[in-house]
Amino acid sequence: KDSLSPDDEGQRVLTKGLAKYAGHLRSGGKYYPTGVSNNILYPVRGGFEDWAYAGSWLSSLTTECKPSTYGGYPASKTKYDDA
């Protein structure tokens, strides 16, 4: 069994709420599936989800986003330090 992150319960509540808000899928009438993406998409240990989550805690493992697609947007929109 995968170990759970400290905010696992909060993540589950948010994703279930977002899936419900998005509405039913056209095929089958079910809501978008939620859960650990490594389990939903394909089982892998140490995949992107693990790296991205862990990397988000250490500024030494992340790089600042400098968007330029479609004319770009302000760098201030790439900082999420108010969570």
N, C-alpha and C. Protein backbone atom coordinates (compact mmCIF):
# COMPACT_ATOMS: atom_id res chain seq x y z
N LYS A 1 0.84 -1.19 0.00
CA LYS A 1 0.00 0.00 0.00
C LYS A 1 0.88 1.24 0.00
N ASP A 2 0.48 2.24 -0.77
CA ASP A 2 1.22 3.50 -0.80
C ASP A 2 1.05 4.23 0.53
N SER A 3 2.08 4.96 0.94
CA SER A 3 1.93 5.77 2.15
C SER A 3 1.17 7.04 1.77
N LEU A 4 0.43 7.56 2.71
CA LEU A 4 -0.40 8.73 2.45
C LEU A 4 0.32 10.01 2.84
N SER A 5 0.09 11.06 2.07
CA SER A 5 0.67 12.35 2.38
C SER A 5 -0.07 12.97 3.57
N PRO A 6 0.56 13.94 4.24
CA PRO A 6 -0.10 14.57 5.38
C PRO A 6 -1.42 15.25 5.02
N ASP A 7 -1.55 15.68 3.77
CA ASP A 7 -2.78 16.37 3.35
C ASP A 7 -3.68 15.49 2.48
N ASP A 8 -3.53 14.19 2.60
CA ASP A 8 -4.30 13.26 1.77
C ASP A 8 -5.80 13.49 1.88
N GLU A 9 -6.30 13.60 3.08
CA GLU A 9 -7.75 13.78 3.26
C GLU A 9 -8.23 15.07 2.59
N GLY A 10 -7.49 16.14 2.75
CA GLY A 10 -7.86 17.41 2.11
C GLY A 10 -7.86 17.30 0.59
N GLN A 11 -6.86 16.61 0.05
CA GLN A 11 -6.79 16.42 -1.40
C GLN A 11 -7.99 15.62 -1.90
N ARG A 12 -8.37 14.59 -1.17
CA ARG A 12 -9.52 13.75 -1.58
C ARG A 12 -10.82 14.56 -1.56
N VAL A 13 -11.00 15.36 -0.53
CA VAL A 13 -12.21 16.18 -0.44
C VAL A 13 -12.28 17.16 -1.62
N LEU A 14 -11.16 17.81 -1.91
CA LEU A 14 -11.12 18.76 -3.03
C LEU A 14 -11.39 18.09 -4.36
N THR A 15 -10.73 16.97 -4.64
CA THR A 15 -10.90 16.34 -5.94
C THR A 15 -12.31 15.79 -6.13
N LYS A 16 -12.90 15.24 -5.09
CA LYS A 16 -14.28 14.76 -5.20
C LYS A 16 -15.24 15.92 -5.46
N GLY A 17 -15.00 17.04 -4.79
CA GLY A 17 -15.83 18.22 -5.00
C GLY A 17 -15.69 18.76 -6.42
N LEU A 18 -14.46 18.80 -6.93
CA LEU A 18 -14.23 19.28 -8.30
C LEU A 18 -14.87 18.35 -9.32
N ALA A 19 -14.78 17.05 -9.09
CA ALA A 19 -15.39 16.09 -10.01
C ALA A 19 -16.90 16.27 -10.03
N LYS A 20 -17.48 16.49 -8.87
CA LYS A 20 -18.94 16.68 -8.81
C LYS A 20 -19.32 17.98 -9.49
N TYR A 21 -18.56 19.03 -9.27
CA TYR A 21 -18.83 20.33 -9.89
C TYR A 21 -18.74 20.24 -11.41
N ALA A 22 -17.79 19.46 -11.91
CA ALA A 22 -17.62 19.31 -13.36
C ALA A 22 -18.78 18.57 -14.00
N GLY A 23 -19.51 17.79 -13.23
CA GLY A 23 -20.67 17.09 -13.76
C GLY A 23 -20.34 15.69 -14.25
N HIS A 24 -21.36 15.03 -14.74
CA HIS A 24 -21.21 13.65 -15.22
C HIS A 24 -20.48 13.61 -16.56
N LEU A 25 -19.73 12.55 -16.76
CA LEU A 25 -19.09 12.32 -18.05
C LEU A 25 -20.17 11.96 -19.07
N ARG A 26 -19.94 12.29 -20.31
CA ARG A 26 -20.93 11.99 -21.35
C ARG A 26 -21.15 10.49 -21.51
N SER A 27 -20.08 9.74 -21.40
CA SER A 27 -20.21 8.29 -21.56
C SER A 27 -20.38 7.63 -20.19
N GLY A 28 -21.50 7.03 -19.97
CA GLY A 28 -21.70 6.28 -18.73
C GLY A 28 -22.38 7.03 -17.62
N GLY A 29 -22.44 8.35 -17.69
CA GLY A 29 -23.12 9.12 -16.66
C GLY A 29 -22.44 9.12 -15.31
N LYS A 30 -21.17 8.77 -15.25
CA LYS A 30 -20.44 8.76 -13.98
C LYS A 30 -19.61 10.04 -13.86
N TYR A 31 -19.21 10.32 -12.63
CA TYR A 31 -18.30 11.44 -12.41
C TYR A 31 -16.88 11.05 -12.80
N TYR A 32 -16.07 12.06 -13.06
CA TYR A 32 -14.66 11.83 -13.37
C TYR A 32 -14.03 11.05 -12.22
N PRO A 33 -13.25 10.02 -12.51
CA PRO A 33 -12.65 9.24 -11.41
C PRO A 33 -11.62 10.05 -10.63
N THR A 34 -11.63 9.87 -9.33
CA THR A 34 -10.67 10.57 -8.48
C THR A 34 -9.86 9.55 -7.69
N GLY A 35 -8.75 10.00 -7.16
CA GLY A 35 -7.89 9.14 -6.37
C GLY A 35 -6.44 9.44 -6.69
N VAL A 36 -5.56 8.56 -6.29
CA VAL A 36 -4.13 8.71 -6.55
C VAL A 36 -3.89 8.43 -8.03
N SER A 37 -3.37 9.41 -8.75
CA SER A 37 -3.24 9.25 -10.20
C SER A 37 -2.32 8.09 -10.58
N ASN A 38 -1.34 7.79 -9.75
CA ASN A 38 -0.49 6.63 -10.06
C ASN A 38 -1.30 5.34 -10.00
N ASN A 39 -2.40 5.32 -9.27
CA ASN A 39 -3.26 4.14 -9.21
C ASN A 39 -4.33 4.16 -10.30
N ILE A 40 -4.81 5.34 -10.65
CA ILE A 40 -5.87 5.46 -11.66
C ILE A 40 -5.32 5.26 -13.07
N LEU A 41 -4.22 5.93 -13.38
CA LEU A 41 -3.66 5.86 -14.72
C LEU A 41 -2.94 4.54 -14.96
N TYR A 42 -1.92 4.29 -14.17
CA TYR A 42 -1.19 3.03 -14.22
C TYR A 42 -0.32 2.97 -12.97
N PRO A 43 -0.17 1.78 -12.42
CA PRO A 43 0.61 1.66 -11.18
C PRO A 43 2.11 1.85 -11.42
N VAL A 44 2.70 2.75 -10.69
CA VAL A 44 4.14 2.98 -10.77
C VAL A 44 4.59 3.56 -9.43
N ARG A 45 5.71 3.11 -8.97
CA ARG A 45 6.24 3.62 -7.70
C ARG A 45 7.32 4.65 -8.02
N GLY A 46 7.21 5.82 -7.41
CA GLY A 46 8.21 6.86 -7.64
C GLY A 46 8.00 7.58 -8.95
N GLY A 47 6.77 7.64 -9.43
CA GLY A 47 6.47 8.29 -10.70
C GLY A 47 6.40 9.80 -10.57
N PHE A 48 5.88 10.43 -11.60
CA PHE A 48 5.82 11.89 -11.64
C PHE A 48 5.06 12.47 -10.46
N GLU A 49 3.95 11.85 -10.11
CA GLU A 49 3.15 12.39 -9.01
C GLU A 49 3.98 12.48 -7.73
N ASP A 50 4.76 11.46 -7.44
CA ASP A 50 5.60 11.48 -6.25
C ASP A 50 6.64 12.60 -6.33
N TRP A 51 7.28 12.72 -7.49
CA TRP A 51 8.32 13.73 -7.66
C TRP A 51 7.73 15.13 -7.57
N ALA A 52 6.63 15.36 -8.26
CA ALA A 52 6.03 16.69 -8.28
C ALA A 52 5.56 17.11 -6.89
N TYR A 53 4.96 16.19 -6.17
CA TYR A 53 4.47 16.52 -4.82
C TYR A 53 5.65 16.81 -3.90
N ALA A 54 6.62 15.93 -3.88
CA ALA A 54 7.77 16.12 -2.99
C ALA A 54 8.58 17.35 -3.40
N GLY A 55 8.75 17.54 -4.71
CA GLY A 55 9.51 18.67 -5.20
C GLY A 55 8.87 20.00 -4.87
N SER A 56 7.56 20.01 -4.69
CA SER A 56 6.88 21.27 -4.40
C SER A 56 7.22 21.80 -3.02
N TRP A 57 7.77 20.96 -2.16
CA TRP A 57 8.11 21.40 -0.81
C TRP A 57 9.48 22.04 -0.71
N LEU A 58 10.35 21.74 -1.68
CA LEU A 58 11.72 22.25 -1.61
C LEU A 58 12.02 23.18 -2.77
N SER A 59 12.27 24.44 -2.48
CA SER A 59 12.53 25.39 -3.55
C SER A 59 13.80 25.04 -4.32
N SER A 60 14.72 24.28 -3.71
CA SER A 60 15.94 23.89 -4.41
C SER A 60 15.67 22.87 -5.52
N LEU A 61 14.48 22.23 -5.51
CA LEU A 61 14.13 21.24 -6.52
C LEU A 61 13.19 21.78 -7.59
N THR A 62 12.81 23.04 -7.47
CA THR A 62 11.88 23.61 -8.43
C THR A 62 12.53 24.76 -9.19
N THR A 63 11.99 25.06 -10.35
CA THR A 63 12.45 26.21 -11.13
C THR A 63 11.27 27.14 -11.36
N GLU A 64 11.57 28.40 -11.46
CA GLU A 64 10.52 29.38 -11.67
C GLU A 64 9.95 29.24 -13.08
N CYS A 65 8.66 29.28 -13.18
CA CYS A 65 7.98 29.18 -14.46
C CYS A 65 8.06 30.54 -15.15
N LYS A 66 8.47 30.53 -16.41
CA LYS A 66 8.52 31.76 -17.21
C LYS A 66 7.72 31.52 -18.48
N PRO A 67 6.40 31.62 -18.36
CA PRO A 67 5.51 31.29 -19.48
C PRO A 67 5.61 32.26 -20.64
N SER A 68 5.58 31.72 -21.84
CA SER A 68 5.61 32.57 -23.03
C SER A 68 4.55 32.15 -24.05
N THR A 69 3.90 31.02 -23.84
CA THR A 69 2.89 30.55 -24.78
C THR A 69 1.71 31.52 -24.82
N TYR A 70 1.18 31.77 -25.99
CA TYR A 70 0.02 32.64 -26.19
C TYR A 70 0.23 34.03 -25.61
N GLY A 71 1.42 34.55 -25.76
CA GLY A 71 1.69 35.90 -25.28
C GLY A 71 2.13 35.97 -23.83
N GLY A 72 2.13 34.84 -23.15
CA GLY A 72 2.61 34.78 -21.77
C GLY A 72 1.66 35.41 -20.77
N TYR A 73 2.11 35.46 -19.53
CA TYR A 73 1.37 36.11 -18.47
C TYR A 73 2.35 36.50 -17.38
N PRO A 74 1.96 37.38 -16.46
CA PRO A 74 2.88 37.88 -15.45
C PRO A 74 3.49 36.78 -14.58
N ALA A 75 4.76 36.93 -14.27
CA ALA A 75 5.46 35.96 -13.42
C ALA A 75 4.79 35.85 -12.05
N SER A 76 4.13 36.91 -11.60
CA SER A 76 3.47 36.88 -10.29
C SER A 76 2.38 35.81 -10.25
N LYS A 77 1.85 35.43 -11.40
CA LYS A 77 0.82 34.40 -11.47
C LYS A 77 1.41 33.00 -11.31
N THR A 78 2.73 32.87 -11.24
CA THR A 78 3.36 31.55 -11.11
C THR A 78 3.81 31.28 -9.69
N LYS A 79 3.58 32.20 -8.78
CA LYS A 79 4.02 32.03 -7.39
C LYS A 79 2.81 31.69 -6.52
N TYR A 80 2.91 30.56 -5.82
CA TYR A 80 1.83 30.10 -4.97
C TYR A 80 2.35 29.97 -3.55
N ASP A 81 2.69 31.07 -2.95
CA ASP A 81 3.26 31.04 -1.61
C ASP A 81 2.27 31.48 -0.55
N ASP A 82 0.99 31.52 -0.89
CA ASP A 82 0.00 31.96 0.07
C ASP A 82 -0.88 30.81 0.56
N ALA A 83 -0.46 29.57 0.27
CA ALA A 83 -1.28 28.42 0.66
C ALA A 83 -1.06 28.06 2.11
